[in-house]
Amino acid sequence: MKIHALIVDDEPPARRSIWRFLNDNPEVEVVAECGDGESAVTAIRSTKPDLVFLDVQMPEMDGLEVARQVGAERMPATIFVTAYDRYAIDAFDANAVDYLLKPIARERFARALDRARARIAERPNRDAAERLITMLGQMKAQDEYAERLPVTTNGRIQFVKTKEIDWIEADGNYARLHVGPGMHEVRETLANLERRLNPRDFVRIHRSTIVNIHRVKEIQPWLHGYHLVVLESGQRFRMSRYQYAAAERLGLSEL
């Protein structure tokens, strides 16, 4: 039986990765790909795919809203695609076909596709789709990111807007927020801050450095496969070659 699949992700490199993996599976035919939630709703309604690879986080309309707009009774079997493993993986396994973490590993993709085949053969009922939508709502409620961070200045508590932060460096159990020419020290680890910041705006490029994606001016090749990340301010950072997810999000897969 031919499986008709739809790919939904606002990041072109992620869509291409899924395309490449599906090319090895002649029984799966990609009927469409979408870069935003609105076009995904239209495509699901018009093409009626058996399977959808759905990015959890997209601007304007996220995966939750896509599922709501389509409706539980018409939602196809779903494999989530996400760059962030902070989500409740157990909930993914219980209510969706499967999940894939970016960058997607070929063996992991194959296992997810096998599960999708089995789910489609079972003809999932409406209750399963409704549980999926409920689970997405719970995830979204947990997925609130800080818009401001409190800092202490001369004994007073002030608030720094996260969008104004250029980069953050670790200092043991403290972190330094660099905002323009100023710097604020907060008593919080870099790992904790990473969880509180919106991953669409910030990326960890090294174990001791987080940068604001919107402040990145260019990326330069360096020695031994490393890269230098250059901010608009001229500040330079060496990016760890093991930060594969960061490289993908900064566009290094295009180089």
C-alpha atoms as a PDB file:
ATOM      1  CA  MET A   1       0.000   0.000   0.000  1.00  0.00           C
ATOM      2  CA  LYS A   2       1.273   3.420  -0.953  1.00  0.00           C
ATOM      3  CA  ILE A   3       1.620   5.829   1.972  1.00  0.00           C
ATOM      4  CA  HIS A   4       0.992   9.480   1.121  1.00  0.00           C
ATOM      5  CA  ALA A   5       3.069  11.799   3.317  1.00  0.00           C
ATOM      6  CA  LEU A   6       3.118  15.534   4.004  1.00  0.00           C
ATOM      7  CA  ILE A   7       6.194  17.366   5.332  1.00  0.00           C
ATOM      8  CA  VAL A   8       5.587  20.446   7.496  1.00  0.00           C
ATOM      9  CA  ASP A   9       8.549  22.462   8.801  1.00  0.00           C
ATOM     10  CA  ASP A  10       9.463  26.132   8.576  1.00  0.00           C
ATOM     11  CA  GLU A  11      13.169  25.257   8.192  1.00  0.00           C
ATOM     12  CA  PRO A  12      14.141  24.219   4.622  1.00  0.00           C
ATOM     13  CA  PRO A  13      17.147  22.104   5.766  1.00  0.00           C
ATOM     14  CA  ALA A  14      14.844  20.020   7.958  1.00  0.00           C
ATOM     15  CA  ARG A  15      12.389  19.465   5.083  1.00  0.00           C
ATOM     16  CA  ARG A  16      15.244  18.409   2.810  1.00  0.00           C
ATOM     17  CA  SER A  17      16.510  15.912   5.401  1.00  0.00           C
ATOM     18  CA  ILE A  18      13.114  14.218   5.540  1.00  0.00           C
ATOM     19  CA  TRP A  19      12.915  14.195   1.737  1.00  0.00           C
ATOM     20  CA  ARG A  20      16.302  12.471   1.527  1.00  0.00           C
ATOM     21  CA  PHE A  21      15.295   9.758   3.981  1.00  0.00           C
ATOM     22  CA  LEU A  22      11.973   9.165   2.246  1.00  0.00           C
ATOM     23  CA  ASN A  23      13.728   8.722  -1.094  1.00  0.00           C
ATOM     24  CA  ASP A  24      14.990   5.395   0.288  1.00  0.00           C
ATOM     25  CA  ASN A  25      11.395   4.250   0.824  1.00  0.00           C
ATOM     26  CA  PRO A  26       9.579   3.783  -2.509  1.00  0.00           C
ATOM     27  CA  GLU A  27       6.342   2.851  -0.733  1.00  0.00           C
ATOM     28  CA  VAL A  28       6.087   6.419   0.597  1.00  0.00           C
ATOM     29  CA  GLU A  29       5.057   9.246  -1.719  1.00  0.00           C
ATOM     30  CA  VAL A  30       5.422  12.878  -0.622  1.00  0.00           C
ATOM     31  CA  VAL A  31       2.288  14.664  -1.780  1.00  0.00           C
ATOM     32  CA  ALA A  32       3.323  18.123  -0.561  1.00  0.00           C
ATOM     33  CA  GLU A  33       5.624  20.077   1.734  1.00  0.00           C
ATOM     34  CA  CYS A  34       4.758  23.193   3.707  1.00  0.00           C
ATOM     35  CA  GLY A  35       6.820  25.868   5.408  1.00  0.00           C
ATOM     36  CA  ASP A  36       4.112  27.249   7.671  1.00  0.00           C
ATOM     37  CA  GLY A  37       1.063  26.180   9.625  1.00  0.00           C
ATOM     38  CA  GLU A  38      -1.556  27.867   7.456  1.00  0.00           C
ATOM     39  CA  SER A  39      -0.466  26.114   4.278  1.00  0.00           C
ATOM     40  CA  ALA A  40      -0.192  22.853   6.262  1.00  0.00           C
ATOM     41  CA  VAL A  41      -3.869  23.032   7.228  1.00  0.00           C
ATOM     42  CA  THR A  42      -4.831  23.619   3.604  1.00  0.00           C
ATOM     43  CA  ALA A  43      -2.615  20.761   2.392  1.00  0.00           C
ATOM     44  CA  ILE A  44      -3.950  18.272   4.955  1.00  0.00           C
ATOM     45  CA  ARG A  45      -7.516  19.102   3.989  1.00  0.00           C
ATOM     46  CA  SER A  46      -6.905  18.950   0.244  1.00  0.00           C
ATOM     47  CA  THR A  47      -4.442  16.049  -0.117  1.00  0.00           C
ATOM     48  CA  LYS A  48      -5.701  13.939   2.840  1.00  0.00           C
ATOM     49  CA  PRO A  49      -2.279  12.375   3.563  1.00  0.00           C
ATOM     50  CA  ASP A  50      -1.868   9.159   5.536  1.00  0.00           C
ATOM     51  CA  LEU A  51       1.121  10.560   7.421  1.00  0.00           C
ATOM     52  CA  VAL A  52       2.372  14.024   8.357  1.00  0.00           C
ATOM     53  CA  PHE A  53       5.812  15.013   9.603  1.00  0.00           C
ATOM     54  CA  LEU A  54       4.864  17.997  11.771  1.00  0.00           C
ATOM     55  CA  ASP A  55       7.247  20.585  13.225  1.00  0.00           C
ATOM     56  CA  VAL A  56       6.133  21.367  16.772  1.00  0.00           C
ATOM     57  CA  GLN A  57       7.266  24.986  16.801  1.00  0.00           C
ATOM     58  CA  MET A  58       6.526  27.279  13.876  1.00  0.00           C
ATOM     59  CA  PRO A  59       5.921  31.027  13.783  1.00  0.00           C
ATOM     60  CA  GLU A  60       2.354  32.371  13.659  1.00  0.00           C
ATOM     61  CA  MET A  61       0.679  28.921  13.627  1.00  0.00           C
ATOM     62  CA  ASP A  62       2.375  26.096  15.533  1.00  0.00           C
ATOM     63  CA  GLY A  63       1.760  22.352  15.437  1.00  0.00           C
ATOM     64  CA  LEU A  64      -0.978  22.582  18.047  1.00  0.00           C
ATOM     65  CA  GLU A  65      -2.988  25.081  16.038  1.00  0.00           C
ATOM     66  CA  VAL A  66      -2.531  23.027  12.867  1.00  0.00           C
ATOM     67  CA  ALA A  67      -4.057  20.001  14.626  1.00  0.00           C
ATOM     68  CA  ARG A  68      -6.905  22.087  16.011  1.00  0.00           C
ATOM     69  CA  GLN A  69      -7.680  23.665  12.664  1.00  0.00           C
ATOM     70  CA  VAL A  70      -7.739  20.312  10.884  1.00  0.00           C
ATOM     71  CA  GLY A  71      -9.812  18.634  13.597  1.00  0.00           C
ATOM     72  CA  ALA A  72      -9.276  15.387  15.488  1.00  0.00           C
ATOM     73  CA  GLU A  73     -11.357  13.271  13.133  1.00  0.00           C
ATOM     74  CA  ARG A  74      -9.330  14.358  10.082  1.00  0.00           C
ATOM     75  CA  MET A  75      -5.829  14.511  11.594  1.00  0.00           C
ATOM     76  CA  PRO A  76      -3.556  11.934   9.897  1.00  0.00           C
ATOM     77  CA  ALA A  77      -0.970   9.786  11.678  1.00  0.00           C
ATOM     78  CA  THR A  78       1.641  12.234  12.977  1.00  0.00           C
ATOM     79  CA  ILE A  79       5.396  12.125  13.524  1.00  0.00           C
ATOM     80  CA  PHE A  80       6.623  15.175  15.396  1.00  0.00           C
ATOM     81  CA  VAL A  81       9.848  16.894  14.388  1.00  0.00           C
ATOM     82  CA  THR A  82      11.552  19.065  16.986  1.00  0.00           C
ATOM     83  CA  ALA A  83      14.979  20.477  17.789  1.00  0.00           C
ATOM     84  CA  TYR A  84      14.394  20.430  21.535  1.00  0.00           C
ATOM     85  CA  ASP A  85      14.254  17.349  23.722  1.00  0.00           C
ATOM     86  CA  ARG A  86      12.834  19.292  26.669  1.00  0.00           C
ATOM     87  CA  TYR A  87       9.403  18.141  25.562  1.00  0.00           C
ATOM     88  CA  ALA A  88       7.725  15.229  27.313  1.00  0.00           C
ATOM     89  CA  ILE A  89       9.032  12.369  25.207  1.00  0.00           C
ATOM     90  CA  ASP A  90       6.805   9.853  26.999  1.00  0.00           C
ATOM     91  CA  ALA A  91       3.798  11.886  25.902  1.00  0.00           C
ATOM     92  CA  PHE A  92       5.028  11.810  22.310  1.00  0.00           C
ATOM     93  CA  ASP A  93       5.295   8.031  22.415  1.00  0.00           C
ATOM     94  CA  ALA A  94       1.861   7.602  23.976  1.00  0.00           C
ATOM     95  CA  ASN A  95      -0.163   9.925  21.774  1.00  0.00           C
ATOM     96  CA  ALA A  96       1.665  10.392  18.484  1.00  0.00           C
ATOM     97  CA  VAL A  97       3.189   7.838  16.152  1.00  0.00           C
ATOM     98  CA  ASP A  98       6.692   8.977  17.121  1.00  0.00           C
ATOM     99  CA  TYR A  99       8.998  11.974  17.356  1.00  0.00           C
ATOM    100  CA  LEU A 100      12.253  12.960  15.635  1.00  0.00           C
ATOM    101  CA  LEU A 101      14.928  15.213  17.090  1.00  0.00           C
ATOM    102  CA  LYS A 102      16.863  17.535  14.795  1.00  0.00           C
ATOM    103  CA  PRO A 103      19.330  16.868  13.315  1.00  0.00           C
ATOM    104  CA  ILE A 104      17.578  13.664  12.313  1.00  0.00           C
ATOM    105  CA  ALA A 105      19.553  10.409  12.447  1.00  0.00           C
ATOM    106  CA  ARG A 106      18.871   7.929   9.642  1.00  0.00           C
ATOM    107  CA  GLU A 107      18.362   4.910  11.942  1.00  0.00           C
ATOM    108  CA  ARG A 108      15.993   6.867  14.188  1.00  0.00           C
ATOM    109  CA  PHE A 109      14.033   7.976  11.124  1.00  0.00           C
ATOM    110  CA  ALA A 110      13.697   4.379   9.953  1.00  0.00           C
ATOM    111  CA  ARG A 111      12.267   3.300  13.323  1.00  0.00           C
ATOM    112  CA  ALA A 112       9.757   6.148  13.294  1.00  0.00           C
ATOM    113  CA  LEU A 113       8.641   5.250   9.777  1.00  0.00           C
ATOM    114  CA  ASP A 114       8.171   1.607  10.789  1.00  0.00           C
ATOM    115  CA  ARG A 115       5.930   2.718  13.639  1.00  0.00           C
ATOM    116  CA  ALA A 116       3.988   4.929  11.234  1.00  0.00           C
ATOM    117  CA  ARG A 117       3.359   1.998   8.886  1.00  0.00           C
ATOM    118  CA  ALA A 118       1.987  -0.040  11.780  1.00  0.00           C
ATOM    119  CA  ARG A 119      -0.233   2.795  13.017  1.00  0.00           C
ATOM    120  CA  ILE A 120      -1.636   3.483   9.547  1.00  0.00           C
ATOM    121  CA  ALA A 121      -2.407  -0.215   9.071  1.00  0.00           C
ATOM    122  CA  GLU A 122      -4.372  -0.121  12.338  1.00  0.00           C
ATOM    123  CA  ARG A 123      -6.471   2.811  11.061  1.00  0.00           C
ATOM    124  CA  PRO A 124      -6.173   5.032  14.164  1.00  0.00           C
ATOM    125  CA  ASN A 125      -9.468   6.158  15.614  1.00  0.00           C
ATOM    126  CA  ARG A 126     -10.715   9.585  16.575  1.00  0.00           C
ATOM    127  CA  ASP A 127      -9.881   9.080  20.256  1.00  0.00           C
ATOM    128  CA  ALA A 128      -6.179   8.762  19.440  1.00  0.00           C
ATOM    129  CA  ALA A 129      -6.238  12.013  17.465  1.00  0.00           C
ATOM    130  CA  GLU A 130      -8.058  13.799  20.286  1.00  0.00           C
ATOM    131  CA  ARG A 131      -5.428  12.601  22.773  1.00  0.00           C
ATOM    132  CA  LEU A 132      -2.794  13.982  20.424  1.00  0.00           C
ATOM    133  CA  ILE A 133      -4.385  17.437  20.410  1.00  0.00           C
ATOM    134  CA  THR A 134      -4.781  17.389  24.201  1.00  0.00           C
ATOM    135  CA  MET A 135      -1.130  16.464  24.623  1.00  0.00           C
ATOM    136  CA  LEU A 136      -0.031  19.281  22.319  1.00  0.00           C
ATOM    137  CA  GLY A 137      -2.010  21.737  24.430  1.00  0.00           C
ATOM    138  CA  GLN A 138      -0.262  20.521  27.575  1.00  0.00           C
ATOM    139  CA  MET A 139       3.123  20.886  25.893  1.00  0.00           C
ATOM    140  CA  LYS A 140       2.349  24.413  24.769  1.00  0.00           C
ATOM    141  CA  ALA A 141       1.277  25.405  28.281  1.00  0.00           C
ATOM    142  CA  GLN A 142       4.666  24.223  29.576  1.00  0.00           C
ATOM    143  CA  ASP A 143       6.560  25.882  26.776  1.00  0.00           C
ATOM    144  CA  GLU A 144       6.525  29.495  27.966  1.00  0.00           C
ATOM    145  CA  TYR A 145       9.818  31.312  27.586  1.00  0.00           C
ATOM    146  CA  ALA A 146      11.088  34.279  29.553  1.00  0.00           C
ATOM    147  CA  GLU A 147      10.676  37.678  27.906  1.00  0.00           C
ATOM    148  CA  ARG A 148      12.520  39.461  30.736  1.00  0.00           C
ATOM    149  CA  LEU A 149      15.216  38.415  33.182  1.00  0.00           C
ATOM    150  CA  PRO A 150      15.690  40.031  36.627  1.00  0.00           C
ATOM    151  CA  VAL A 151      19.145  41.437  37.411  1.00  0.00           C
ATOM    152  CA  THR A 152      20.460  43.200  40.510  1.00  0.00           C
ATOM    153  CA  THR A 153      22.057  46.626  40.051  1.00  0.00           C
ATOM    154  CA  ASN A 154      23.210  48.656  43.045  1.00  0.00           C
ATOM    155  CA  GLY A 155      20.875  46.759  45.331  1.00  0.00           C
ATOM    156  CA  ARG A 156      17.880  47.250  43.044  1.00  0.00           C
ATOM    157  CA  ILE A 157      16.173  44.624  40.902  1.00  0.00           C
ATOM    158  CA  GLN A 158      15.841  45.609  37.272  1.00  0.00           C
ATOM    159  CA  PHE A 159      14.622  43.658  34.265  1.00  0.00           C
ATOM    160  CA  VAL A 160      16.475  42.998  31.033  1.00  0.00           C
ATOM    161  CA  LYS A 161      14.445  42.183  27.927  1.00  0.00           C
ATOM    162  CA  THR A 162      15.731  38.923  26.516  1.00  0.00           C
ATOM    163  CA  LYS A 163      15.490  40.187  22.939  1.00  0.00           C
ATOM    164  CA  GLU A 164      18.079  42.862  23.821  1.00  0.00           C
ATOM    165  CA  ILE A 165      20.679  40.341  25.013  1.00  0.00           C
ATOM    166  CA  ASP A 166      23.557  39.885  22.547  1.00  0.00           C
ATOM    167  CA  TRP A 167      25.235  36.890  24.144  1.00  0.00           C
ATOM    168  CA  ILE A 168      25.608  35.063  27.448  1.00  0.00           C
ATOM    169  CA  GLU A 169      28.696  33.502  28.965  1.00  0.00           C
ATOM    170  CA  ALA A 170      29.007  30.984  31.778  1.00  0.00           C
ATOM    171  CA  ASP A 171      30.932  31.656  34.989  1.00  0.00           C
ATOM    172  CA  GLY A 172      30.465  28.626  37.219  1.00  0.00           C
ATOM    173  CA  ASN A 173      27.012  28.847  38.820  1.00  0.00           C
ATOM    174  CA  TYR A 174      26.643  32.386  37.456  1.00  0.00           C
ATOM    175  CA  ALA A 175      26.056  33.766  33.988  1.00  0.00           C
ATOM    176  CA  ARG A 176      26.912  37.120  32.433  1.00  0.00           C
ATOM    177  CA  LEU A 177      24.330  38.754  30.177  1.00  0.00           C
ATOM    178  CA  HIS A 178      25.942  41.012  27.586  1.00  0.00           C
ATOM    179  CA  VAL A 179      23.574  43.748  26.433  1.00  0.00           C
ATOM    180  CA  GLY A 180      25.219  46.270  24.119  1.00  0.00           C
ATOM    181  CA  PRO A 181      28.175  47.794  25.989  1.00  0.00           C
ATOM    182  CA  GLY A 182      26.734  46.703  29.354  1.00  0.00           C
ATOM    183  CA  MET A 183      26.965  43.463  31.291  1.00  0.00           C
ATOM    184  CA  HIS A 184      24.781  41.972  34.027  1.00  0.00           C
ATOM    185  CA  GLU A 185      25.625  39.023  36.234  1.00  0.00           C
ATOM    186  CA  VAL A 186      22.875  36.648  37.300  1.00  0.00           C
ATOM    187  CA  ARG A 187      23.041  33.777  39.751  1.00  0.00           C
ATOM    188  CA  GLU A 188      21.903  31.092  37.370  1.00  0.00           C
ATOM    189  CA  THR A 189      23.692  28.408  35.380  1.00  0.00           C
ATOM    190  CA  LEU A 190      23.920  28.562  31.621  1.00  0.00           C
ATOM    191  CA  ALA A 191      21.951  25.301  31.391  1.00  0.00           C
ATOM    192  CA  ASN A 192      19.040  26.800  33.340  1.00  0.00           C
ATOM    193  CA  LEU A 193      19.053  29.941  31.226  1.00  0.00           C
ATOM    194  CA  GLU A 194      19.075  27.882  28.040  1.00  0.00           C
ATOM    195  CA  ARG A 195      15.865  26.166  29.145  1.00  0.00           C
ATOM    196  CA  ARG A 196      14.194  29.510  29.880  1.00  0.00           C
ATOM    197  CA  LEU A 197      15.126  31.232  26.620  1.00  0.00           C
ATOM    198  CA  ASN A 198      13.171  30.859  23.405  1.00  0.00           C
ATOM    199  CA  PRO A 199      15.194  28.509  21.176  1.00  0.00           C
ATOM    200  CA  ARG A 200      14.012  30.445  18.146  1.00  0.00           C
ATOM    201  CA  ASP A 201      16.045  33.409  19.384  1.00  0.00           C
ATOM    202  CA  PHE A 202      18.984  31.863  21.241  1.00  0.00           C
ATOM    203  CA  VAL A 203      21.353  28.999  20.481  1.00  0.00           C
ATOM    204  CA  ARG A 204      24.140  27.440  22.536  1.00  0.00           C
ATOM    205  CA  ILE A 205      27.241  27.273  20.358  1.00  0.00           C
ATOM    206  CA  HIS A 206      29.665  26.171  23.088  1.00  0.00           C
ATOM    207  CA  ARG A 207      29.382  24.745  26.591  1.00  0.00           C
ATOM    208  CA  SER A 208      30.100  28.238  27.935  1.00  0.00           C
ATOM    209  CA  THR A 209      28.368  30.452  25.348  1.00  0.00           C
ATOM    210  CA  ILE A 210      24.830  31.231  24.192  1.00  0.00           C
ATOM    211  CA  VAL A 211      24.284  33.768  21.407  1.00  0.00           C
ATOM    212  CA  ASN A 212      21.264  35.687  20.179  1.00  0.00           C
ATOM    213  CA  ILE A 213      20.649  34.287  16.690  1.00  0.00           C
ATOM    214  CA  HIS A 214      19.461  37.701  15.477  1.00  0.00           C
ATOM    215  CA  ARG A 215      22.831  39.244  16.444  1.00  0.00           C
ATOM    216  CA  VAL A 216      24.870  36.829  14.324  1.00  0.00           C
ATOM    217  CA  LYS A 217      26.472  38.667  11.409  1.00  0.00           C
ATOM    218  CA  GLU A 218      28.431  35.839   9.794  1.00  0.00           C
ATOM    219  CA  ILE A 219      30.021  32.443  10.331  1.00  0.00           C
ATOM    220  CA  GLN A 220      33.602  31.825   9.240  1.00  0.00           C
ATOM    221  CA  PRO A 221      35.393  28.499   8.737  1.00  0.00           C
ATOM    222  CA  TRP A 222      38.290  27.934  11.111  1.00  0.00           C
ATOM    223  CA  LEU A 223      40.881  25.285  11.934  1.00  0.00           C
ATOM    224  CA  HIS A 224      40.196  21.544  12.228  1.00  0.00           C
ATOM    225  CA  GLY A 225      36.539  21.764  11.238  1.00  0.00           C
ATOM    226  CA  TYR A 226      35.630  24.459  13.758  1.00  0.00           C
ATOM    227  CA  HIS A 227      33.797  27.685  12.896  1.00  0.00           C
ATOM    228  CA  LEU A 228      33.879  31.226  14.208  1.00  0.00           C
ATOM    229  CA  VAL A 229      30.571  32.916  14.955  1.00  0.00           C
ATOM    230  CA  VAL A 230      30.812  36.687  14.480  1.00  0.00           C
ATOM    231  CA  LEU A 231      28.231  38.997  16.035  1.00  0.00           C
ATOM    232  CA  GLU A 232      27.211  42.387  14.686  1.00  0.00           C
ATOM    233  CA  SER A 233      29.268  43.959  17.484  1.00  0.00           C
ATOM    234  CA  GLY A 234      32.390  42.246  16.154  1.00  0.00           C
ATOM    235  CA  GLN A 235      32.554  39.787  19.060  1.00  0.00           C
ATOM    236  CA  ARG A 236      33.875  36.406  17.910  1.00  0.00           C
ATOM    237  CA  PHE A 237      33.271  32.952  19.341  1.00  0.00           C
ATOM    238  CA  ARG A 238      34.553  29.532  18.451  1.00  0.00           C
ATOM    239  CA  MET A 239      31.665  27.145  17.915  1.00  0.00           C
ATOM    240  CA  SER A 240      32.166  23.612  19.187  1.00  0.00           C
ATOM    241  CA  ARG A 241      32.138  21.146  16.313  1.00  0.00           C
ATOM    242  CA  TYR A 242      29.957  18.883  18.455  1.00  0.00           C
ATOM    243  CA  GLN A 243      27.096  21.387  18.527  1.00  0.00           C
ATOM    244  CA  TYR A 244      25.334  19.789  15.547  1.00  0.00           C
ATOM    245  CA  ALA A 245      21.904  21.234  16.334  1.00  0.00           C
ATOM    246  CA  ALA A 246      23.402  24.734  16.602  1.00  0.00           C
ATOM    247  CA  ALA A 247      25.169  24.298  13.282  1.00  0.00           C
ATOM    248  CA  GLU A 248      21.921  23.236  11.614  1.00  0.00           C
ATOM    249  CA  ARG A 249      19.997  26.208  12.989  1.00  0.00           C
ATOM    250  CA  LEU A 250      22.719  28.676  12.017  1.00  0.00           C
ATOM    251  CA  GLY A 251      22.651  27.391   8.449  1.00  0.00           C
ATOM    252  CA  LEU A 252      25.987  25.568   8.344  1.00  0.00           C
ATOM    253  CA  SER A 253      24.306  22.685   6.524  1.00  0.00           C
ATOM    254  CA  GLU A 254      24.062  25.066   3.582  1.00  0.00           C
ATOM    255  CA  LEU A 255      27.815  25.688   3.460  1.00  0.00           C
END
